[in-house]
C-alpha atoms as a PDB file:
ATOM      1  CA  MET A   1       0.729 -31.813  -4.070  1.00  0.00           C
ATOM      2  CA  ILE A   2      -1.894 -29.222  -3.121  1.00  0.00           C
ATOM      3  CA  ASP A   3      -0.386 -25.948  -4.273  1.00  0.00           C
ATOM      4  CA  ASP A   4      -1.491 -22.445  -3.322  1.00  0.00           C
ATOM      5  CA  THR A   5      -4.048 -22.375  -6.133  1.00  0.00           C
ATOM      6  CA  ALA A   6      -5.822 -25.585  -5.120  1.00  0.00           C
ATOM      7  CA  ALA A   7      -5.521 -25.262  -1.347  1.00  0.00           C
ATOM      8  CA  GLY A   8      -8.405 -22.819  -0.885  1.00  0.00           C
ATOM      9  CA  LEU A   9     -10.807 -24.372  -3.387  1.00  0.00           C
ATOM     10  CA  THR A  10     -14.096 -26.104  -2.718  1.00  0.00           C
ATOM     11  CA  PRO A  11     -14.258 -29.874  -3.421  1.00  0.00           C
ATOM     12  CA  ARG A  12     -15.889 -29.109  -6.761  1.00  0.00           C
ATOM     13  CA  GLY A  13     -13.245 -26.523  -7.536  1.00  0.00           C
ATOM     14  CA  ARG A  14     -10.473 -28.967  -6.703  1.00  0.00           C
ATOM     15  CA  ALA A  15     -12.035 -31.544  -9.004  1.00  0.00           C
ATOM     16  CA  THR A  16     -12.104 -29.037 -11.860  1.00  0.00           C
ATOM     17  CA  TYR A  17      -8.553 -27.945 -11.100  1.00  0.00           C
ATOM     18  CA  ALA A  18      -7.381 -31.566 -11.083  1.00  0.00           C
ATOM     19  CA  ARG A  19      -9.132 -32.237 -14.391  1.00  0.00           C
ATOM     20  CA  ILE A  20      -7.391 -29.295 -16.017  1.00  0.00           C
ATOM     21  CA  VAL A  21      -3.969 -30.141 -14.623  1.00  0.00           C
ATOM     22  CA  GLY A  22      -4.332 -33.825 -15.497  1.00  0.00           C
ATOM     23  CA  ALA A  23      -5.247 -32.951 -19.075  1.00  0.00           C
ATOM     24  CA  ALA A  24      -2.323 -30.527 -19.282  1.00  0.00           C
ATOM     25  CA  ALA A  25       0.095 -33.132 -17.923  1.00  0.00           C
ATOM     26  CA  ASP A  26      -1.017 -35.703 -20.506  1.00  0.00           C
ATOM     27  CA  LEU A  27      -0.783 -33.243 -23.397  1.00  0.00           C
ATOM     28  CA  VAL A  28       2.637 -31.975 -22.339  1.00  0.00           C
ATOM     29  CA  HIS A  29       3.965 -35.532 -22.143  1.00  0.00           C
ATOM     30  CA  LYS A  30       2.507 -36.505 -25.524  1.00  0.00           C
ATOM     31  CA  ASN A  31       3.123 -33.327 -27.503  1.00  0.00           C
ATOM     32  CA  GLY A  32       5.762 -31.392 -25.587  1.00  0.00           C
ATOM     33  CA  LEU A  33       5.376 -28.257 -23.539  1.00  0.00           C
ATOM     34  CA  HIS A  34       5.821 -25.806 -26.403  1.00  0.00           C
ATOM     35  CA  ASN A  35       3.196 -27.600 -28.500  1.00  0.00           C
ATOM     36  CA  THR A  36       0.625 -27.584 -25.701  1.00  0.00           C
ATOM     37  CA  THR A  37      -1.643 -24.551 -25.811  1.00  0.00           C
ATOM     38  CA  ALA A  38      -4.146 -23.343 -23.251  1.00  0.00           C
ATOM     39  CA  ASN A  39      -6.897 -23.890 -25.804  1.00  0.00           C
ATOM     40  CA  ALA A  40      -5.857 -27.515 -26.314  1.00  0.00           C
ATOM     41  CA  VAL A  41      -5.883 -28.071 -22.555  1.00  0.00           C
ATOM     42  CA  ARG A  42      -9.290 -26.406 -22.280  1.00  0.00           C
ATOM     43  CA  LYS A  43     -10.767 -28.736 -24.888  1.00  0.00           C
ATOM     44  CA  ALA A  44      -9.162 -31.846 -23.394  1.00  0.00           C
ATOM     45  CA  ALA A  45     -10.421 -30.963 -19.916  1.00  0.00           C
ATOM     46  CA  SER A  46     -13.874 -29.946 -21.197  1.00  0.00           C
ATOM     47  CA  VAL A  47     -13.818 -26.604 -19.398  1.00  0.00           C
ATOM     48  CA  SER A  48     -14.555 -23.047 -20.465  1.00  0.00           C
ATOM     49  CA  GLY A  49     -12.055 -20.315 -21.155  1.00  0.00           C
ATOM     50  CA  SER A  50     -13.177 -18.461 -18.044  1.00  0.00           C
ATOM     51  CA  GLN A  51     -12.491 -21.541 -15.942  1.00  0.00           C
ATOM     52  CA  MET A  52      -8.993 -21.786 -17.392  1.00  0.00           C
ATOM     53  CA  THR A  53      -8.172 -18.187 -16.524  1.00  0.00           C
ATOM     54  CA  HIS A  54      -9.789 -18.566 -13.099  1.00  0.00           C
ATOM     55  CA  TYR A  55      -7.359 -21.302 -12.099  1.00  0.00           C
ATOM     56  CA  PHE A  56      -4.300 -20.258 -14.102  1.00  0.00           C
ATOM     57  CA  ASP A  57      -3.229 -16.670 -14.754  1.00  0.00           C
ATOM     58  CA  ASP A  58      -0.701 -17.705 -17.384  1.00  0.00           C
ATOM     59  CA  LYS A  59       1.159 -20.665 -18.841  1.00  0.00           C
ATOM     60  CA  PRO A  60       3.903 -20.712 -16.155  1.00  0.00           C
ATOM     61  CA  ALA A  61       1.156 -21.109 -13.546  1.00  0.00           C
ATOM     62  CA  MET A  62      -0.211 -24.088 -15.463  1.00  0.00           C
ATOM     63  CA  VAL A  63       3.282 -25.557 -15.747  1.00  0.00           C
ATOM     64  CA  ARG A  64       3.692 -25.346 -11.979  1.00  0.00           C
ATOM     65  CA  GLY A  65       0.409 -27.202 -11.644  1.00  0.00           C
ATOM     66  CA  VAL A  66       1.712 -29.925 -13.959  1.00  0.00           C
ATOM     67  CA  ILE A  67       4.896 -30.204 -11.897  1.00  0.00           C
ATOM     68  CA  GLY A  68       2.764 -30.760  -8.800  1.00  0.00           C
ATOM     69  CA  TRP A  69       0.732 -33.400 -10.642  1.00  0.00           C
ATOM     70  CA  ARG A  70       3.843 -35.287 -11.713  1.00  0.00           C
ATOM     71  CA  ARG A  71       5.240 -34.993  -8.189  1.00  0.00           C
ATOM     72  CA  ASP A  72       2.150 -36.709  -6.811  1.00  0.00           C
ATOM     73  CA  GLU A  73       2.488 -39.514  -9.366  1.00  0.00           C
ATOM     74  CA  LEU A  74       6.147 -39.982  -8.541  1.00  0.00           C
ATOM     75  CA  VAL A  75       5.586 -40.145  -4.785  1.00  0.00           C
ATOM     76  CA  ALA A  76       2.634 -42.524  -5.180  1.00  0.00           C
ATOM     77  CA  PHE A  77       4.714 -44.866  -7.359  1.00  0.00           C
ATOM     78  CA  HIS A  78       7.467 -44.998  -4.734  1.00  0.00           C
ATOM     79  CA  THR A  79       5.250 -45.377  -1.667  1.00  0.00           C
ATOM     80  CA  SER A  80       2.430 -47.744  -2.625  1.00  0.00           C
ATOM     81  CA  GLY A  81       1.749 -51.150  -4.112  1.00  0.00           C
ATOM     82  CA  GLU A  82       4.832 -53.266  -4.720  1.00  0.00           C
ATOM     83  CA  LEU A  83       7.047 -50.348  -3.691  1.00  0.00           C
ATOM     84  CA  SER A  84       5.342 -49.479  -0.419  1.00  0.00           C
ATOM     85  CA  ARG A  85       8.752 -50.077   1.184  1.00  0.00           C
ATOM     86  CA  LEU A  86      12.137 -49.408  -0.385  1.00  0.00           C
ATOM     87  CA  ASP A  87      14.298 -50.376   2.580  1.00  0.00           C
ATOM     88  CA  SER A  88      15.777 -53.636   1.299  1.00  0.00           C
ATOM     89  CA  LEU A  89      17.989 -54.742  -1.560  1.00  0.00           C
ATOM     90  CA  GLU A  90      15.113 -56.841  -2.863  1.00  0.00           C
ATOM     91  CA  ALA A  91      12.840 -53.791  -2.904  1.00  0.00           C
ATOM     92  CA  LEU A  92      15.434 -51.694  -4.719  1.00  0.00           C
ATOM     93  CA  GLN A  93      15.831 -54.404  -7.343  1.00  0.00           C
ATOM     94  CA  LYS A  94      12.049 -54.544  -7.675  1.00  0.00           C
ATOM     95  CA  TRP A  95      12.084 -50.763  -8.201  1.00  0.00           C
ATOM     96  CA  ALA A  96      14.638 -51.161 -10.989  1.00  0.00           C
ATOM     97  CA  ASP A  97      12.680 -53.991 -12.590  1.00  0.00           C
ATOM     98  CA  LEU A  98       9.329 -52.168 -12.425  1.00  0.00           C
ATOM     99  CA  ASN A  99      10.778 -49.031 -14.002  1.00  0.00           C
ATOM    100  CA  THR A 100      12.373 -51.087 -16.751  1.00  0.00           C
ATOM    101  CA  GLN A 101       9.123 -52.933 -17.410  1.00  0.00           C
ATOM    102  CA  LYS A 102       7.163 -49.678 -17.393  1.00  0.00           C
ATOM    103  CA  GLN A 103       9.334 -48.199 -20.134  1.00  0.00           C
ATOM    104  CA  SER A 104       9.302 -51.441 -22.086  1.00  0.00           C
ATOM    105  CA  ASP A 105       5.489 -51.462 -21.987  1.00  0.00           C
ATOM    106  CA  MET A 106       5.569 -47.922 -23.431  1.00  0.00           C
ATOM    107  CA  ASN A 107       7.877 -49.085 -26.254  1.00  0.00           C
ATOM    108  CA  CYS A 108      10.561 -46.789 -24.839  1.00  0.00           C
ATOM    109  CA  VAL A 109       8.614 -43.715 -25.949  1.00  0.00           C
ATOM    110  CA  GLY A 110       8.171 -40.685 -23.705  1.00  0.00           C
ATOM    111  CA  GLY A 111      10.859 -41.305 -21.126  1.00  0.00           C
ATOM    112  CA  CYS A 112      10.267 -40.347 -17.502  1.00  0.00           C
ATOM    113  CA  THR A 113       7.150 -38.171 -17.246  1.00  0.00           C
ATOM    114  CA  PHE A 114       8.885 -35.909 -14.741  1.00  0.00           C
ATOM    115  CA  GLY A 115      12.328 -35.935 -16.291  1.00  0.00           C
ATOM    116  CA  SER A 116      11.014 -35.164 -19.769  1.00  0.00           C
ATOM    117  CA  LEU A 117       9.183 -32.165 -18.330  1.00  0.00           C
ATOM    118  CA  VAL A 118      12.391 -30.958 -16.690  1.00  0.00           C
ATOM    119  CA  GLY A 119      14.207 -31.169 -20.014  1.00  0.00           C
ATOM    120  CA  GLU A 120      11.722 -28.800 -21.633  1.00  0.00           C
ATOM    121  CA  LEU A 121      11.987 -26.231 -18.858  1.00  0.00           C
ATOM    122  CA  VAL A 122      15.715 -25.474 -19.097  1.00  0.00           C
ATOM    123  CA  PRO A 123      16.515 -22.713 -18.378  1.00  0.00           C
ATOM    124  CA  PRO A 124      13.407 -22.361 -16.201  1.00  0.00           C
ATOM    125  CA  HIS A 125      11.771 -19.431 -14.486  1.00  0.00           C
ATOM    126  CA  ASP A 126      13.010 -19.172 -10.874  1.00  0.00           C
ATOM    127  CA  ASP A 127       9.701 -20.310  -9.375  1.00  0.00           C
ATOM    128  CA  VAL A 128       9.542 -23.247 -11.758  1.00  0.00           C
ATOM    129  CA  ARG A 129      13.161 -24.181 -11.048  1.00  0.00           C
ATOM    130  CA  ASN A 130      12.451 -24.124  -7.325  1.00  0.00           C
ATOM    131  CA  ASP A 131       9.464 -26.420  -7.837  1.00  0.00           C
ATOM    132  CA  LEU A 132      11.510 -28.845  -9.929  1.00  0.00           C
ATOM    133  CA  SER A 133      14.347 -28.827  -7.417  1.00  0.00           C
ATOM    134  CA  ALA A 134      11.931 -29.496  -4.557  1.00  0.00           C
ATOM    135  CA  VAL A 135      10.542 -32.574  -6.321  1.00  0.00           C
ATOM    136  CA  TYR A 136      14.020 -33.956  -6.934  1.00  0.00           C
ATOM    137  CA  GLU A 137      14.956 -33.353  -3.303  1.00  0.00           C
ATOM    138  CA  GLU A 138      11.808 -35.143  -2.150  1.00  0.00           C
ATOM    139  CA  TRP A 139      12.520 -38.052  -4.481  1.00  0.00           C
ATOM    140  CA  ILE A 140      16.068 -38.335  -3.180  1.00  0.00           C
ATOM    141  CA  ALA A 141      14.791 -38.088   0.395  1.00  0.00           C
ATOM    142  CA  LEU A 142      12.538 -41.124  -0.141  1.00  0.00           C
ATOM    143  CA  PHE A 143      15.557 -43.236  -1.008  1.00  0.00           C
ATOM    144  CA  ARG A 144      17.724 -41.637   1.648  1.00  0.00           C
ATOM    145  CA  SER A 145      15.220 -42.556   4.358  1.00  0.00           C
ATOM    146  CA  ALA A 146      15.019 -46.152   3.127  1.00  0.00           C
ATOM    147  CA  LEU A 147      18.789 -46.486   2.851  1.00  0.00           C
ATOM    148  CA  SER A 148      19.272 -44.980   6.307  1.00  0.00           C
ATOM    149  CA  SER A 149      16.946 -47.651   7.697  1.00  0.00           C
ATOM    150  CA  MET A 150      18.973 -50.341   5.943  1.00  0.00           C
ATOM    151  CA  ARG A 151      22.210 -49.022   7.416  1.00  0.00           C
ATOM    152  CA  LYS A 152      20.674 -48.723  10.881  1.00  0.00           C
ATOM    153  CA  ARG A 153      19.487 -52.353  10.702  1.00  0.00           C
ATOM    154  CA  GLY A 154      22.936 -53.472   9.657  1.00  0.00           C
ATOM    155  CA  ASP A 155      21.974 -54.430   6.097  1.00  0.00           C
ATOM    156  CA  LEU A 156      24.478 -51.857   4.811  1.00  0.00           C
ATOM    157  CA  ARG A 157      27.942 -51.157   6.162  1.00  0.00           C
ATOM    158  CA  ALA A 158      28.562 -48.184   8.422  1.00  0.00           C
ATOM    159  CA  ASP A 159      30.512 -46.403   5.657  1.00  0.00           C
ATOM    160  CA  ALA A 160      27.488 -46.394   3.327  1.00  0.00           C
ATOM    161  CA  ASP A 161      26.323 -42.806   2.754  1.00  0.00           C
ATOM    162  CA  PRO A 162      22.517 -42.832   2.302  1.00  0.00           C
ATOM    163  CA  LEU A 163      22.414 -39.412   0.622  1.00  0.00           C
ATOM    164  CA  HIS A 164      25.147 -40.321  -1.851  1.00  0.00           C
ATOM    165  CA  LEU A 165      23.490 -43.634  -2.697  1.00  0.00           C
ATOM    166  CA  ALA A 166      20.072 -41.997  -3.036  1.00  0.00           C
ATOM    167  CA  ARG A 167      21.435 -39.494  -5.527  1.00  0.00           C
ATOM    168  CA  VAL A 168      23.054 -42.297  -7.511  1.00  0.00           C
ATOM    169  CA  LEU A 169      19.717 -44.123  -7.805  1.00  0.00           C
ATOM    170  CA  VAL A 170      17.815 -41.052  -8.972  1.00  0.00           C
ATOM    171  CA  ALA A 171      20.582 -39.999 -11.367  1.00  0.00           C
ATOM    172  CA  ALA A 172      20.705 -43.506 -12.863  1.00  0.00           C
ATOM    173  CA  HIS A 173      16.957 -43.420 -13.405  1.00  0.00           C
ATOM    174  CA  GLN A 174      17.010 -40.017 -15.080  1.00  0.00           C
ATOM    175  CA  GLY A 175      20.048 -40.649 -17.249  1.00  0.00           C
ATOM    176  CA  GLY A 176      18.910 -44.126 -18.209  1.00  0.00           C
ATOM    177  CA  SER A 177      15.415 -42.879 -19.052  1.00  0.00           C
ATOM    178  CA  LEU A 178      16.816 -40.173 -21.316  1.00  0.00           C
ATOM    179  CA  LEU A 179      19.024 -42.609 -23.229  1.00  0.00           C
ATOM    180  CA  THR A 180      16.249 -45.174 -23.527  1.00  0.00           C
ATOM    181  CA  HIS A 181      13.831 -42.552 -24.846  1.00  0.00           C
ATOM    182  CA  THR A 182      16.418 -41.256 -27.321  1.00  0.00           C
ATOM    183  CA  THR A 183      17.613 -44.635 -28.615  1.00  0.00           C
ATOM    184  CA  ARG A 184      14.223 -46.387 -28.327  1.00  0.00           C
ATOM    185  CA  THR A 185      15.930 -49.346 -26.664  1.00  0.00           C
ATOM    186  CA  ILE A 186      15.427 -50.527 -23.093  1.00  0.00           C
ATOM    187  CA  ALA A 187      19.062 -51.520 -22.493  1.00  0.00           C
ATOM    188  CA  PRO A 188      20.356 -48.109 -21.293  1.00  0.00           C
ATOM    189  CA  LEU A 189      17.728 -47.796 -18.559  1.00  0.00           C
ATOM    190  CA  ARG A 190      17.960 -51.429 -17.491  1.00  0.00           C
ATOM    191  CA  GLU A 191      21.751 -51.313 -17.318  1.00  0.00           C
ATOM    192  CA  ALA A 192      21.861 -47.964 -15.511  1.00  0.00           C
ATOM    193  CA  LEU A 193      19.338 -49.040 -12.867  1.00  0.00           C
ATOM    194  CA  ASN A 194      20.943 -52.444 -12.324  1.00  0.00           C
ATOM    195  CA  ALA A 195      24.358 -50.800 -12.027  1.00  0.00           C
ATOM    196  CA  ALA A 196      23.011 -48.328  -9.457  1.00  0.00           C
ATOM    197  CA  VAL A 197      21.379 -51.075  -7.388  1.00  0.00           C
ATOM    198  CA  ASP A 198      24.561 -53.149  -7.641  1.00  0.00           C
ATOM    199  CA  TYR A 199      26.486 -50.159  -6.333  1.00  0.00           C
ATOM    200  CA  VAL A 200      24.194 -50.002  -3.312  1.00  0.00           C
ATOM    201  CA  ARG A 201      24.588 -53.762  -2.959  1.00  0.00           C
ATOM    202  CA  SER A 202      28.373 -53.357  -2.850  1.00  0.00           C
ATOM    203  CA  PHE A 203      27.884 -51.816   0.606  1.00  0.00           C
ATOM    204  CA  ALA A 204      25.850 -54.794   1.826  1.00  0.00           C
ATOM    205  CA  THR A 205      27.048 -56.659   4.891  1.00  0.00           C
ATOM    206  CA  GLN A 206      26.310 -59.933   3.037  1.00  0.00           C
ATOM    207  CA  PRO A 207      28.406 -59.848  -0.174  1.00  0.00           C
ATOM    208  CA  HIS A 208      26.899 -63.053  -1.577  1.00  0.00           C
ATOM    209  CA  ALA A 209      23.718 -61.126  -2.362  1.00  0.00           C
ATOM    210  CA  ALA A 210      25.432 -59.517  -5.360  1.00  0.00           C
ATOM    211  CA  VAL A 211      26.003 -62.921  -6.922  1.00  0.00           C
ATOM    212  CA  GLU A 212      22.339 -63.817  -6.419  1.00  0.00           C
ATOM    213  CA  ARG A 213      21.207 -60.567  -8.090  1.00  0.00           C
ATOM    214  CA  LYS A 214      23.472 -61.031 -11.071  1.00  0.00           C
ATOM    215  CA  ALA A 215      22.201 -64.564 -11.562  1.00  0.00           C
ATOM    216  CA  ALA A 216      18.600 -63.339 -11.453  1.00  0.00           C
ATOM    217  CA  SER A 217      19.402 -60.526 -13.881  1.00  0.00           C
ATOM    218  CA  SER A 218      20.971 -62.978 -16.313  1.00  0.00           C
ATOM    219  CA  ARG A 219      17.829 -65.105 -16.232  1.00  0.00           C
ATOM    220  CA  ARG A 220      15.668 -62.063 -17.093  1.00  0.00           C
ATOM    221  CA  ARG A 221      17.707 -61.410 -20.225  1.00  0.00           C
END
């Protein structure tokens, strides 16, 4: 996400901006927003104090930069590699499995990098809230587009509501991530994501697919 600050920068300026925001995003995720100071970000990014103030007037401006950074990560995860397409039940199950594996690899520490940031910004400044809301809407729209394609192809029944199903998937991810981070066990996220994908699958025009998914899930346990 190229925000207003980065849009008019030179290539070198954008590189410096990205280095600062990337360092801030990592520190916020590791230490929490309130424990992340501008000085700590400056040291981590290896920039001067004048460079920090050049790109960010205050901490809220830096936070908005971090939101944009996490937005880019989120979109890239959902639109490239194994998840370059989300418009099939197999792809949605792969999405659930990859997210579960990702948290398991992190020992269930940290939760969702975007969701954990949201939790620290409540109640947020209006501009920050608008940024957060826009990312959630974009995330939901990615699933909505994929689910609409599935319904149009006839993979899902005509009564399947792509927007409703998209919100269920995102909500399951966020709620499951929070519980997994809090309890330090992978089960809440795995169960929430599998339940959400099974709910989408309940609208499939080929009901036997649900049995196949449950059998595969049992084997993974």
